[in-house]
Amino acid sequence: MKSRTILIAGATGLVGRELLAGLLADPSVTAVHSLGRRTPALQHPKLTGHVVDFAALPALPHADEVYLALGTTIKDAGSQAAFRAVDFDANLAVAKAALAAGATRVGLVSAMGADANSRIFYSRVKGELEEALAQLPFQGLVIARPSMLLGNRQALGQRVRSGEVWASRLQKVLGWMIPANYQPIEAAAVAQALLRAVPSAQGRTFLLSGSMQA
C-alpha cells in the first residue's frame, strides 16, 4: 500500500484515541494531522496536532483519508442545538474541508439506530450526517454503527456514563442472550474495524456492531 497521510477529528475521544493509536502504528501511514479543540496528549513523530474552530476551519493539509470521531451527548452539550453543532455541523465541516484537501475516503463513527427519519433526535442527527456525507464525492465512505461503547472514559477526563456501566455488567451476566448487534462493544474494536475497511473502501459501507465485535 502506498504511503498515506491522514486527517482525524476527535482523536481525544473514546474511539478517536484508538483510531489515532492504530494510525500511528501503521507503517503505511507517514503523517497524521489531528483536528480538535485541544491537542492530543500523545506525542509522536508522525503526529501534528491542530487546535481548530470547527465553525471556521482553515484550509487543511493534504490528506488521503479522513476519520470523523467527533461526538457528544445532549447532556454534556447542554442543548439539542449544541449537540447538533458537534455531531452534525463539525463532522460535516471537517469532511468538506478534507475533501478540498484531497481526501478520497472517509470513516465515520456513527451509532446503532442512526436514521435520518427517526423520531428520536439523537438517532435522527446521526442519520442526517450519514446522508450528508453520502452526498459528497468521496471514493469510499465507511460508516461504523456501534451499539453502546465500552472503554475507560475516566482516563480521558470524561464523565462516566451510567448506561455504559450497566451495559457492561449486563453483558457479563446475560451476554449470551443478547443479539450481537445489541451487545456493548469495546471502542478499540470499532476503531480496528474502521482502520481495516477505510483504506480500500469503494462506495458506501456500513459496519454494524455485531460484525465489529471480533
N, C-alpha and C. Protein backbone atom coordinates (compact mmCIF):
# COMPACT_ATOMS: atom_id res chain seq x y z
N MET A 1 0.84 -1.19 0.00
CA MET A 1 0.00 0.00 0.00
C MET A 1 0.88 1.25 0.00
N LYS A 2 0.49 2.24 -0.78
CA LYS A 2 1.26 3.47 -0.83
C LYS A 2 1.23 4.18 0.52
N SER A 3 2.17 5.10 0.71
CA SER A 3 2.20 5.87 1.95
C SER A 3 0.96 6.76 2.01
N ARG A 4 0.44 6.93 3.20
CA ARG A 4 -0.82 7.65 3.38
C ARG A 4 -0.67 8.77 4.41
N THR A 5 -1.35 9.87 4.14
CA THR A 5 -1.46 10.97 5.10
C THR A 5 -2.91 11.05 5.55
N ILE A 6 -3.10 11.19 6.85
CA ILE A 6 -4.43 11.05 7.44
C ILE A 6 -4.83 12.32 8.20
N LEU A 7 -6.11 12.65 8.11
CA LEU A 7 -6.73 13.65 8.96
C LEU A 7 -7.67 12.92 9.93
N ILE A 8 -7.68 13.35 11.17
CA ILE A 8 -8.60 12.76 12.14
C ILE A 8 -9.18 13.86 13.02
N ALA A 9 -10.48 13.83 13.20
CA ALA A 9 -11.17 14.77 14.09
C ALA A 9 -11.76 13.99 15.25
N GLY A 10 -11.48 14.44 16.47
CA GLY A 10 -11.99 13.75 17.65
C GLY A 10 -11.04 12.71 18.20
N ALA A 11 -9.74 12.92 18.02
CA ALA A 11 -8.74 11.92 18.44
C ALA A 11 -8.60 11.81 19.94
N THR A 12 -9.21 12.71 20.71
CA THR A 12 -9.11 12.62 22.17
C THR A 12 -10.32 11.90 22.77
N GLY A 13 -11.23 11.42 21.94
CA GLY A 13 -12.41 10.72 22.43
C GLY A 13 -12.18 9.23 22.57
N LEU A 14 -13.22 8.50 22.93
CA LEU A 14 -13.10 7.08 23.25
C LEU A 14 -12.66 6.26 22.04
N VAL A 15 -13.36 6.41 20.91
CA VAL A 15 -12.97 5.70 19.70
C VAL A 15 -11.82 6.43 19.00
N GLY A 16 -11.84 7.76 19.03
CA GLY A 16 -10.80 8.53 18.37
C GLY A 16 -9.41 8.22 18.88
N ARG A 17 -9.30 8.03 20.18
CA ARG A 17 -7.99 7.70 20.76
C ARG A 17 -7.47 6.38 20.20
N GLU A 18 -8.37 5.40 20.04
CA GLU A 18 -7.97 4.10 19.49
C GLU A 18 -7.63 4.21 18.00
N LEU A 19 -8.39 5.03 17.29
CA LEU A 19 -8.07 5.27 15.88
C LEU A 19 -6.67 5.87 15.74
N LEU A 20 -6.40 6.87 16.57
CA LEU A 20 -5.11 7.54 16.49
C LEU A 20 -3.97 6.57 16.77
N ALA A 21 -4.11 5.75 17.79
CA ALA A 21 -3.07 4.79 18.12
C ALA A 21 -2.83 3.82 16.97
N GLY A 22 -3.91 3.36 16.35
CA GLY A 22 -3.77 2.44 15.23
C GLY A 22 -3.12 3.07 14.03
N LEU A 23 -3.46 4.31 13.75
CA LEU A 23 -2.88 5.01 12.60
C LEU A 23 -1.38 5.23 12.81
N LEU A 24 -1.00 5.62 14.01
CA LEU A 24 0.41 5.88 14.29
C LEU A 24 1.24 4.60 14.24
N ALA A 25 0.61 3.47 14.52
CA ALA A 25 1.32 2.19 14.50
C ALA A 25 1.40 1.59 13.10
N ASP A 26 0.66 2.14 12.16
CA ASP A 26 0.59 1.60 10.79
C ASP A 26 1.78 2.09 9.98
N PRO A 27 2.64 1.20 9.49
CA PRO A 27 3.82 1.64 8.73
C PRO A 27 3.49 2.32 7.41
N SER A 28 2.27 2.10 6.89
CA SER A 28 1.90 2.76 5.63
C SER A 28 1.45 4.20 5.84
N VAL A 29 1.22 4.59 7.09
CA VAL A 29 0.82 5.97 7.42
C VAL A 29 2.08 6.77 7.74
N THR A 30 2.32 7.81 6.96
CA THR A 30 3.53 8.61 7.16
C THR A 30 3.27 9.88 7.97
N ALA A 31 2.01 10.34 8.00
CA ALA A 31 1.69 11.56 8.75
C ALA A 31 0.24 11.54 9.17
N VAL A 32 -0.02 12.00 10.39
CA VAL A 32 -1.38 12.12 10.91
C VAL A 32 -1.58 13.54 11.41
N HIS A 33 -2.63 14.19 10.93
CA HIS A 33 -2.98 15.53 11.38
C HIS A 33 -4.26 15.43 12.20
N SER A 34 -4.15 15.76 13.48
CA SER A 34 -5.29 15.68 14.39
C SER A 34 -5.93 17.04 14.54
N LEU A 35 -7.25 17.08 14.36
CA LEU A 35 -8.02 18.32 14.49
C LEU A 35 -8.88 18.24 15.74
N GLY A 36 -8.80 19.24 16.60
CA GLY A 36 -9.61 19.20 17.80
C GLY A 36 -9.61 20.52 18.54
N ARG A 37 -10.39 20.54 19.61
CA ARG A 37 -10.44 21.73 20.44
C ARG A 37 -9.27 21.77 21.41
N ARG A 38 -8.57 20.64 21.51
CA ARG A 38 -7.32 20.59 22.25
C ARG A 38 -6.41 19.57 21.57
N THR A 39 -5.13 19.69 21.78
CA THR A 39 -4.19 18.78 21.14
C THR A 39 -4.11 17.47 21.93
N PRO A 40 -3.91 16.35 21.24
CA PRO A 40 -3.75 15.08 21.96
C PRO A 40 -2.53 15.13 22.89
N ALA A 41 -2.65 14.48 24.04
CA ALA A 41 -1.52 14.43 24.97
C ALA A 41 -0.38 13.60 24.40
N LEU A 42 -0.73 12.66 23.53
CA LEU A 42 0.26 11.78 22.92
C LEU A 42 1.18 12.57 22.00
N GLN A 43 2.46 12.28 22.08
CA GLN A 43 3.44 12.86 21.18
C GLN A 43 4.05 11.75 20.34
N HIS A 44 4.23 12.04 19.04
CA HIS A 44 4.74 11.03 18.12
C HIS A 44 5.32 11.74 16.90
N PRO A 45 6.39 11.21 16.32
CA PRO A 45 6.99 11.88 15.16
C PRO A 45 6.05 12.04 13.98
N LYS A 46 5.06 11.15 13.85
CA LYS A 46 4.12 11.24 12.72
C LYS A 46 2.99 12.24 12.97
N LEU A 47 2.79 12.62 14.23
CA LEU A 47 1.58 13.33 14.62
C LEU A 47 1.78 14.84 14.70
N THR A 48 0.85 15.56 14.07
CA THR A 48 0.77 17.02 14.19
C THR A 48 -0.62 17.38 14.69
N GLY A 49 -0.68 18.06 15.82
CA GLY A 49 -1.96 18.47 16.38
C GLY A 49 -2.34 19.87 15.93
N HIS A 50 -3.60 20.06 15.57
CA HIS A 50 -4.10 21.36 15.14
C HIS A 50 -5.30 21.72 16.02
N VAL A 51 -5.19 22.79 16.77
CA VAL A 51 -6.32 23.29 17.55
C VAL A 51 -7.14 24.19 16.62
N VAL A 52 -8.41 23.82 16.41
CA VAL A 52 -9.21 24.50 15.40
C VAL A 52 -10.58 24.89 15.96
N ASP A 53 -11.19 25.84 15.28
CA ASP A 53 -12.59 26.20 15.48
C ASP A 53 -13.36 25.49 14.38
N PHE A 54 -14.16 24.51 14.73
CA PHE A 54 -14.85 23.73 13.71
C PHE A 54 -15.89 24.55 12.95
N ALA A 55 -16.27 25.68 13.50
CA ALA A 55 -17.22 26.55 12.79
C ALA A 55 -16.51 27.44 11.79
N ALA A 56 -15.19 27.47 11.82
CA ALA A 56 -14.42 28.30 10.88
C ALA A 56 -13.08 27.62 10.61
N LEU A 57 -13.16 26.48 9.95
CA LEU A 57 -11.96 25.70 9.70
C LEU A 57 -11.04 26.40 8.69
N PRO A 58 -9.73 26.33 8.92
CA PRO A 58 -8.79 26.82 7.92
C PRO A 58 -8.62 25.77 6.83
N ALA A 59 -7.87 26.09 5.79
CA ALA A 59 -7.52 25.08 4.79
C ALA A 59 -6.70 24.00 5.49
N LEU A 60 -7.00 22.75 5.19
CA LEU A 60 -6.34 21.64 5.87
C LEU A 60 -5.18 21.12 5.03
N PRO A 61 -4.21 20.45 5.69
CA PRO A 61 -3.10 19.85 4.95
C PRO A 61 -3.60 18.77 4.00
N HIS A 62 -2.86 18.53 2.94
CA HIS A 62 -3.23 17.46 2.01
C HIS A 62 -3.34 16.14 2.76
N ALA A 63 -4.34 15.34 2.40
CA ALA A 63 -4.54 14.05 3.06
C ALA A 63 -5.17 13.08 2.08
N ASP A 64 -5.01 11.79 2.39
CA ASP A 64 -5.61 10.72 1.60
C ASP A 64 -6.92 10.23 2.20
N GLU A 65 -7.00 10.25 3.52
CA GLU A 65 -8.19 9.76 4.22
C GLU A 65 -8.52 10.69 5.38
N VAL A 66 -9.78 10.65 5.81
CA VAL A 66 -10.20 11.40 6.99
C VAL A 66 -11.07 10.50 7.86
N TYR A 67 -10.85 10.59 9.17
CA TYR A 67 -11.64 9.83 10.14
C TYR A 67 -12.39 10.82 11.02
N LEU A 68 -13.70 10.62 11.12
CA LEU A 68 -14.58 11.52 11.86
C LEU A 68 -15.06 10.83 13.13
N ALA A 69 -14.55 11.29 14.27
CA ALA A 69 -14.90 10.68 15.55
C ALA A 69 -15.36 11.71 16.56
N LEU A 70 -15.83 12.84 16.08
CA LEU A 70 -16.36 13.87 16.97
C LEU A 70 -17.74 13.46 17.46
N GLY A 71 -17.98 13.61 18.75
CA GLY A 71 -19.30 13.27 19.26
C GLY A 71 -19.46 13.73 20.70
N THR A 72 -20.70 13.93 21.09
CA THR A 72 -21.01 14.32 22.46
C THR A 72 -22.37 13.73 22.82
N THR A 73 -22.95 14.17 23.90
CA THR A 73 -24.32 13.81 24.27
C THR A 73 -25.08 15.11 24.51
N ILE A 74 -26.39 15.03 24.47
CA ILE A 74 -27.19 16.22 24.73
C ILE A 74 -26.93 16.71 26.15
N LYS A 75 -26.76 15.77 27.10
CA LYS A 75 -26.50 16.16 28.49
C LYS A 75 -25.18 16.91 28.60
N ASP A 76 -24.14 16.41 27.95
CA ASP A 76 -22.85 17.08 28.02
C ASP A 76 -22.84 18.38 27.23
N ALA A 77 -23.52 18.38 26.09
CA ALA A 77 -23.53 19.58 25.24
C ALA A 77 -24.38 20.70 25.86
N GLY A 78 -25.45 20.31 26.53
CA GLY A 78 -26.30 21.31 27.19
C GLY A 78 -27.60 21.61 26.49
N SER A 79 -27.69 21.27 25.21
CA SER A 79 -28.92 21.52 24.46
C SER A 79 -28.87 20.72 23.16
N GLN A 80 -30.02 20.58 22.52
CA GLN A 80 -30.06 19.90 21.24
C GLN A 80 -29.25 20.66 20.19
N ALA A 81 -29.33 21.98 20.22
CA ALA A 81 -28.60 22.79 19.25
C ALA A 81 -27.09 22.61 19.41
N ALA A 82 -26.63 22.58 20.66
CA ALA A 82 -25.20 22.41 20.90
C ALA A 82 -24.75 21.00 20.51
N PHE A 83 -25.61 20.02 20.75
CA PHE A 83 -25.30 18.65 20.33
C PHE A 83 -25.16 18.58 18.82
N ARG A 84 -26.09 19.18 18.11
CA ARG A 84 -26.06 19.14 16.64
C ARG A 84 -24.83 19.86 16.10
N ALA A 85 -24.41 20.92 16.78
CA ALA A 85 -23.25 21.67 16.32
C ALA A 85 -21.99 20.80 16.31
N VAL A 86 -21.92 19.85 17.23
CA VAL A 86 -20.76 18.95 17.27
C VAL A 86 -20.98 17.75 16.35
N ASP A 87 -22.05 17.01 16.60
CA ASP A 87 -22.23 15.72 15.93
C ASP A 87 -22.56 15.85 14.45
N PHE A 88 -23.20 16.92 14.05
CA PHE A 88 -23.51 17.11 12.63
C PHE A 88 -22.62 18.18 12.00
N ASP A 89 -22.71 19.39 12.49
CA ASP A 89 -22.03 20.51 11.83
C ASP A 89 -20.52 20.35 11.79
N ALA A 90 -19.92 20.02 12.91
CA ALA A 90 -18.45 19.93 12.97
C ALA A 90 -17.93 18.78 12.12
N ASN A 91 -18.57 17.61 12.22
CA ASN A 91 -18.14 16.48 11.41
C ASN A 91 -18.27 16.77 9.91
N LEU A 92 -19.38 17.36 9.53
CA LEU A 92 -19.59 17.66 8.11
C LEU A 92 -18.61 18.70 7.62
N ALA A 93 -18.31 19.69 8.45
CA ALA A 93 -17.35 20.72 8.07
C ALA A 93 -15.97 20.13 7.83
N VAL A 94 -15.56 19.20 8.70
CA VAL A 94 -14.27 18.54 8.52
C VAL A 94 -14.27 17.71 7.25
N ALA A 95 -15.34 17.00 6.99
CA ALA A 95 -15.42 16.18 5.77
C ALA A 95 -15.27 17.04 4.52
N LYS A 96 -15.96 18.16 4.49
CA LYS A 96 -15.87 19.04 3.31
C LYS A 96 -14.47 19.62 3.16
N ALA A 97 -13.87 20.02 4.28
CA ALA A 97 -12.52 20.58 4.22
C ALA A 97 -11.51 19.51 3.82
N ALA A 98 -11.71 18.28 4.29
CA ALA A 98 -10.81 17.19 3.93
C ALA A 98 -10.93 16.86 2.44
N LEU A 99 -12.14 16.90 1.93
CA LEU A 99 -12.36 16.67 0.50
C LEU A 99 -11.60 17.71 -0.32
N ALA A 100 -11.67 18.95 0.11
CA ALA A 100 -10.94 20.02 -0.58
C ALA A 100 -9.42 19.83 -0.47
N ALA A 101 -8.98 19.11 0.58
CA ALA A 101 -7.55 18.87 0.79
C ALA A 101 -7.07 17.60 0.10
N GLY A 102 -7.96 16.96 -0.65
CA GLY A 102 -7.56 15.81 -1.44
C GLY A 102 -7.97 14.45 -0.91
N ALA A 103 -8.63 14.39 0.23
CA ALA A 103 -9.03 13.11 0.79
C ALA A 103 -10.05 12.43 -0.12
N THR A 104 -9.86 11.13 -0.32
CA THR A 104 -10.77 10.37 -1.19
C THR A 104 -11.62 9.37 -0.41
N ARG A 105 -11.25 9.12 0.85
CA ARG A 105 -12.01 8.15 1.64
C ARG A 105 -12.24 8.71 3.04
N VAL A 106 -13.37 8.31 3.63
CA VAL A 106 -13.74 8.82 4.94
C VAL A 106 -14.31 7.69 5.79
N GLY A 107 -13.94 7.69 7.06
CA GLY A 107 -14.51 6.76 8.03
C GLY A 107 -15.25 7.54 9.09
N LEU A 108 -16.47 7.12 9.42
CA LEU A 108 -17.31 7.83 10.38
C LEU A 108 -17.69 6.94 11.54
N VAL A 109 -17.57 7.46 12.75
CA VAL A 109 -18.11 6.80 13.94
C VAL A 109 -19.53 7.33 14.12
N SER A 110 -20.51 6.53 13.76
CA SER A 110 -21.92 6.91 13.89
C SER A 110 -22.50 6.18 15.10
N ALA A 111 -23.69 5.63 14.99
CA ALA A 111 -24.30 4.94 16.13
C ALA A 111 -25.38 3.99 15.65
N MET A 112 -25.57 2.92 16.38
CA MET A 112 -26.65 2.00 16.09
C MET A 112 -27.98 2.75 16.11
N GLY A 113 -28.83 2.49 15.14
CA GLY A 113 -30.13 3.15 15.08
C GLY A 113 -30.13 4.46 14.35
N ALA A 114 -28.98 4.87 13.80
CA ALA A 114 -28.94 6.13 13.05
C ALA A 114 -29.95 6.08 11.91
N ASP A 115 -30.77 7.11 11.81
CA ASP A 115 -31.83 7.14 10.81
C ASP A 115 -32.29 8.57 10.63
N ALA A 116 -32.11 9.10 9.44
CA ALA A 116 -32.48 10.49 9.17
C ALA A 116 -33.96 10.75 9.38
N ASN A 117 -34.78 9.69 9.40
CA ASN A 117 -36.23 9.85 9.58
C ASN A 117 -36.70 9.47 10.99
N SER A 118 -35.76 9.22 11.88
CA SER A 118 -36.12 8.79 13.22
C SER A 118 -36.84 9.89 13.99
N ARG A 119 -37.73 9.48 14.88
CA ARG A 119 -38.39 10.44 15.78
C ARG A 119 -37.49 10.78 16.97
N ILE A 120 -36.45 9.98 17.16
CA ILE A 120 -35.51 10.23 18.26
C ILE A 120 -34.44 11.20 17.77
N PHE A 121 -34.31 12.32 18.45
CA PHE A 121 -33.42 13.39 17.99
C PHE A 121 -32.00 12.89 17.77
N TYR A 122 -31.45 12.18 18.74
CA TYR A 122 -30.07 11.68 18.65
C TYR A 122 -29.89 10.83 17.39
N SER A 123 -30.77 9.87 17.19
CA SER A 123 -30.66 8.97 16.04
C SER A 123 -30.88 9.72 14.73
N ARG A 124 -31.76 10.71 14.76
CA ARG A 124 -32.03 11.48 13.55
C ARG A 124 -30.81 12.29 13.12
N VAL A 125 -30.15 12.94 14.07
CA VAL A 125 -28.95 13.72 13.74
C VAL A 125 -27.85 12.81 13.19
N LYS A 126 -27.66 11.65 13.81
CA LYS A 126 -26.66 10.70 13.32
C LYS A 126 -26.99 10.28 11.89
N GLY A 127 -28.26 10.00 11.64
CA GLY A 127 -28.66 9.59 10.30
C GLY A 127 -28.53 10.70 9.28
N GLU A 128 -28.85 11.91 9.69
CA GLU A 128 -28.71 13.05 8.77
C GLU A 128 -27.26 13.27 8.38
N LEU A 129 -26.35 13.07 9.32
CA LEU A 129 -24.93 13.20 8.99
C LEU A 129 -24.51 12.12 8.00
N GLU A 130 -24.94 10.89 8.22
CA GLU A 130 -24.61 9.82 7.28
C GLU A 130 -25.06 10.18 5.87
N GLU A 131 -26.28 10.69 5.76
CA GLU A 131 -26.81 11.03 4.44
C GLU A 131 -26.07 12.22 3.83
N ALA A 132 -25.71 13.19 4.64
CA ALA A 132 -24.98 14.35 4.14
C ALA A 132 -23.60 13.94 3.61
N LEU A 133 -22.94 13.03 4.31
CA LEU A 133 -21.63 12.55 3.85
C LEU A 133 -21.76 11.75 2.56
N ALA A 134 -22.85 11.02 2.43
CA ALA A 134 -23.06 10.21 1.22
C ALA A 134 -23.24 11.08 -0.01
N GLN A 135 -23.63 12.34 0.17
CA GLN A 135 -23.80 13.26 -0.96
C GLN A 135 -22.48 13.87 -1.42
N LEU A 136 -21.43 13.71 -0.63
CA LEU A 136 -20.12 14.26 -1.00
C LEU A 136 -19.39 13.26 -1.90
N PRO A 137 -18.58 13.76 -2.84
CA PRO A 137 -17.96 12.86 -3.83
C PRO A 137 -16.71 12.13 -3.34
N PHE A 138 -16.81 11.45 -2.19
CA PHE A 138 -15.73 10.60 -1.74
C PHE A 138 -15.74 9.30 -2.53
N GLN A 139 -14.58 8.74 -2.75
CA GLN A 139 -14.49 7.44 -3.40
C GLN A 139 -15.02 6.34 -2.51
N GLY A 140 -14.79 6.47 -1.22
CA GLY A 140 -15.27 5.47 -0.27
C GLY A 140 -15.73 6.11 1.02
N LEU A 141 -16.84 5.64 1.55
CA LEU A 141 -17.40 6.11 2.82
C LEU A 141 -17.71 4.90 3.67
N VAL A 142 -17.07 4.79 4.83
CA VAL A 142 -17.32 3.68 5.75
C VAL A 142 -17.97 4.22 7.01
N ILE A 143 -19.15 3.69 7.33
CA ILE A 143 -19.93 4.16 8.48
C ILE A 143 -20.00 3.05 9.51
N ALA A 144 -19.40 3.29 10.67
CA ALA A 144 -19.48 2.34 11.78
C ALA A 144 -20.67 2.69 12.65
N ARG A 145 -21.52 1.70 12.91
CA ARG A 145 -22.70 1.91 13.76
C ARG A 145 -22.61 1.04 15.01
N PRO A 146 -21.78 1.45 15.96
CA PRO A 146 -21.64 0.64 17.18
C PRO A 146 -22.84 0.77 18.09
N SER A 147 -23.05 -0.26 18.90
CA SER A 147 -24.01 -0.17 19.99
C SER A 147 -23.34 0.60 21.12
N MET A 148 -23.76 0.39 22.35
CA MET A 148 -23.18 1.14 23.46
C MET A 148 -21.68 0.85 23.58
N LEU A 149 -20.90 1.92 23.68
CA LEU A 149 -19.45 1.78 23.69
C LEU A 149 -18.92 1.47 25.08
N LEU A 150 -17.87 0.66 25.10
CA LEU A 150 -17.16 0.34 26.33
C LEU A 150 -15.74 0.88 26.23
N GLY A 151 -15.24 1.41 27.33
CA GLY A 151 -13.89 1.94 27.35
C GLY A 151 -13.71 2.78 28.60
N ASN A 152 -12.49 3.18 28.84
CA ASN A 152 -12.14 3.92 30.06
C ASN A 152 -12.31 5.42 29.83
N ARG A 153 -13.50 5.93 30.11
CA ARG A 153 -13.73 7.36 29.93
C ARG A 153 -13.01 8.19 31.00
N GLN A 154 -12.86 7.63 32.18
CA GLN A 154 -12.18 8.37 33.25
C GLN A 154 -10.75 8.72 32.86
N ALA A 155 -10.10 7.81 32.13
CA ALA A 155 -8.72 8.06 31.69
C ALA A 155 -8.65 9.23 30.72
N LEU A 156 -9.78 9.53 30.08
CA LEU A 156 -9.84 10.65 29.14
C LEU A 156 -10.35 11.92 29.80
N GLY A 157 -10.66 11.85 31.09
CA GLY A 157 -11.22 13.01 31.77
C GLY A 157 -12.68 13.24 31.44
N GLN A 158 -13.37 12.18 30.97
CA GLN A 158 -14.78 12.30 30.61
C GLN A 158 -15.67 11.77 31.72
N ARG A 159 -16.91 12.25 31.72
CA ARG A 159 -17.89 11.76 32.67
C ARG A 159 -18.22 10.31 32.36
N VAL A 160 -18.24 9.48 33.41
CA VAL A 160 -18.64 8.09 33.25
C VAL A 160 -20.15 8.05 32.97
N ARG A 161 -20.54 7.30 31.94
CA ARG A 161 -21.95 7.23 31.55
C ARG A 161 -22.58 5.99 32.19
N SER A 162 -23.61 6.22 32.99
CA SER A 162 -24.21 5.13 33.75
C SER A 162 -24.73 4.03 32.84
N GLY A 163 -25.27 4.40 31.67
CA GLY A 163 -25.79 3.40 30.74
C GLY A 163 -24.72 2.44 30.29
N GLU A 164 -23.51 2.95 30.07
CA GLU A 164 -22.41 2.10 29.64
C GLU A 164 -21.97 1.17 30.77
N VAL A 165 -22.01 1.67 32.01
CA VAL A 165 -21.64 0.84 33.16
C VAL A 165 -22.61 -0.33 33.30
N TRP A 166 -23.90 -0.04 33.21
CA TRP A 166 -24.89 -1.09 33.35
C TRP A 166 -24.86 -2.06 32.17
N ALA A 167 -24.59 -1.54 30.98
CA ALA A 167 -24.49 -2.41 29.81
C ALA A 167 -23.34 -3.39 29.95
N SER A 168 -22.23 -2.91 30.50
CA SER A 168 -21.07 -3.78 30.71
C SER A 168 -21.40 -4.88 31.71
N ARG A 169 -22.10 -4.53 32.80
CA ARG A 169 -22.47 -5.54 33.80
C ARG A 169 -23.45 -6.56 33.22
N LEU A 170 -24.41 -6.07 32.45
CA LEU A 170 -25.40 -6.96 31.85
C LEU A 170 -24.74 -7.90 30.86
N GLN A 171 -23.77 -7.39 30.12
CA GLN A 171 -23.06 -8.20 29.15
C GLN A 171 -22.36 -9.38 29.80
N LYS A 172 -21.78 -9.15 30.98
CA LYS A 172 -21.04 -10.20 31.66
C LYS A 172 -21.97 -11.32 32.14
N VAL A 173 -23.20 -10.96 32.46
CA VAL A 173 -24.13 -11.95 33.02
C VAL A 173 -25.00 -12.59 31.94
N LEU A 174 -25.52 -11.76 31.04
CA LEU A 174 -26.50 -12.24 30.06
C LEU A 174 -26.05 -12.05 28.62
N GLY A 175 -24.75 -11.86 28.41
CA GLY A 175 -24.26 -11.58 27.06
C GLY A 175 -24.67 -12.61 26.04
N TRP A 176 -24.72 -13.88 26.45
CA TRP A 176 -25.06 -14.96 25.51
C TRP A 176 -26.49 -14.85 25.00
N MET A 177 -27.35 -14.10 25.71
CA MET A 177 -28.75 -13.97 25.32
C MET A 177 -28.99 -12.75 24.44
N ILE A 178 -28.02 -11.85 24.37
CA ILE A 178 -28.21 -10.58 23.67
C ILE A 178 -27.75 -10.71 22.22
N PRO A 179 -28.59 -10.35 21.23
CA PRO A 179 -28.16 -10.40 19.83
C PRO A 179 -26.88 -9.59 19.63
N ALA A 180 -26.03 -10.05 18.72
CA ALA A 180 -24.70 -9.47 18.54
C ALA A 180 -24.74 -7.97 18.30
N ASN A 181 -25.69 -7.50 17.50
CA ASN A 181 -25.74 -6.07 17.18
C ASN A 181 -26.11 -5.19 18.37
N TYR A 182 -26.66 -5.80 19.43
CA TYR A 182 -27.10 -5.04 20.60
C TYR A 182 -26.13 -5.17 21.78
N GLN A 183 -25.15 -6.03 21.66
CA GLN A 183 -24.19 -6.17 22.74
C GLN A 183 -23.28 -4.96 22.79
N PRO A 184 -22.94 -4.48 23.99
CA PRO A 184 -21.98 -3.38 24.08
C PRO A 184 -20.66 -3.78 23.45
N ILE A 185 -19.94 -2.80 22.93
CA ILE A 185 -18.73 -3.09 22.16
C ILE A 185 -17.57 -2.20 22.62
N GLU A 186 -16.39 -2.78 22.67
CA GLU A 186 -15.21 -2.03 23.05
C GLU A 186 -14.88 -0.99 21.97
N ALA A 187 -14.51 0.21 22.40
CA ALA A 187 -14.15 1.26 21.47
C ALA A 187 -13.01 0.82 20.55
N ALA A 188 -12.09 0.03 21.09
CA ALA A 188 -10.96 -0.43 20.28
C ALA A 188 -11.42 -1.30 19.12
N ALA A 189 -12.47 -2.09 19.31
CA ALA A 189 -12.97 -2.94 18.24
C ALA A 189 -13.57 -2.11 17.11
N VAL A 190 -14.25 -1.04 17.47
CA VAL A 190 -14.82 -0.13 16.47
C VAL A 190 -13.70 0.51 15.66
N ALA A 191 -12.68 0.98 16.36
CA ALA A 191 -11.56 1.62 15.69
C ALA A 191 -10.86 0.66 14.73
N GLN A 192 -10.62 -0.56 15.17
CA GLN A 192 -9.92 -1.52 14.32
C GLN A 192 -10.73 -1.86 13.08
N ALA A 193 -12.05 -1.96 13.23
CA ALA A 193 -12.90 -2.25 12.08
C ALA A 193 -12.81 -1.13 11.04
N LEU A 194 -12.82 0.10 11.49
CA LEU A 194 -12.68 1.23 10.56
C LEU A 194 -11.31 1.25 9.91
N LEU A 195 -10.28 1.00 10.69
CA LEU A 195 -8.93 1.04 10.16
C LEU A 195 -8.72 -0.04 9.10
N ARG A 196 -9.40 -1.16 9.23
CA ARG A 196 -9.30 -2.22 8.22
C ARG A 196 -10.07 -1.86 6.95
N ALA A 197 -11.21 -1.20 7.12
CA ALA A 197 -12.12 -1.02 5.98
C ALA A 197 -11.85 0.23 5.15
N VAL A 198 -11.45 1.31 5.79
CA VAL A 198 -11.39 2.60 5.08
C VAL A 198 -10.35 2.64 3.96
N PRO A 199 -9.13 2.15 4.13
CA PRO A 199 -8.11 2.34 3.09
C PRO A 199 -8.48 1.81 1.71
N SER A 200 -9.32 0.79 1.64
CA SER A 200 -9.69 0.22 0.34
C SER A 200 -11.17 0.38 0.03
N ALA A 201 -11.86 1.25 0.75
CA ALA A 201 -13.32 1.38 0.60
C ALA A 201 -13.71 1.89 -0.77
N GLN A 202 -14.82 1.35 -1.27
CA GLN A 202 -15.42 1.80 -2.51
C GLN A 202 -16.92 1.98 -2.25
N GLY A 203 -17.44 3.15 -2.56
CA GLY A 203 -18.85 3.39 -2.29
C GLY A 203 -19.12 3.50 -0.80
N ARG A 204 -20.37 3.26 -0.42
CA ARG A 204 -20.77 3.38 0.98
C ARG A 204 -20.87 2.00 1.63
N THR A 205 -20.20 1.84 2.76
CA THR A 205 -20.19 0.59 3.50
C THR A 205 -20.64 0.84 4.93
N PHE A 206 -21.49 -0.02 5.46
CA PHE A 206 -21.93 0.05 6.84
C PHE A 206 -21.27 -1.07 7.65
N LEU A 207 -20.73 -0.74 8.80
CA LEU A 207 -20.20 -1.72 9.73
C LEU A 207 -21.13 -1.78 10.93
N LEU A 208 -21.92 -2.84 11.02
CA LEU A 208 -22.84 -2.98 12.13
C LEU A 208 -22.10 -3.52 13.36
N SER A 209 -22.67 -3.29 14.51
CA SER A 209 -21.97 -3.57 15.76
C SER A 209 -21.57 -5.04 15.88
N GLY A 210 -22.46 -5.94 15.50
CA GLY A 210 -22.15 -7.35 15.61
C GLY A 210 -20.96 -7.76 14.78
N SER A 211 -20.85 -7.19 13.57
CA SER A 211 -19.75 -7.54 12.68
C SER A 211 -18.42 -7.00 13.16
N MET A 212 -18.45 -5.99 14.05
CA MET A 212 -17.22 -5.40 14.55
C MET A 212 -16.75 -6.06 15.84
N GLN A 213 -17.56 -6.90 16.45
CA GLN A 213 -17.22 -7.48 17.74
C GLN A 213 -15.93 -8.27 17.71
N ALA A 214 -15.67 -8.94 16.61
CA ALA A 214 -14.45 -9.77 16.51
C ALA A 214 -13.21 -8.89 16.37
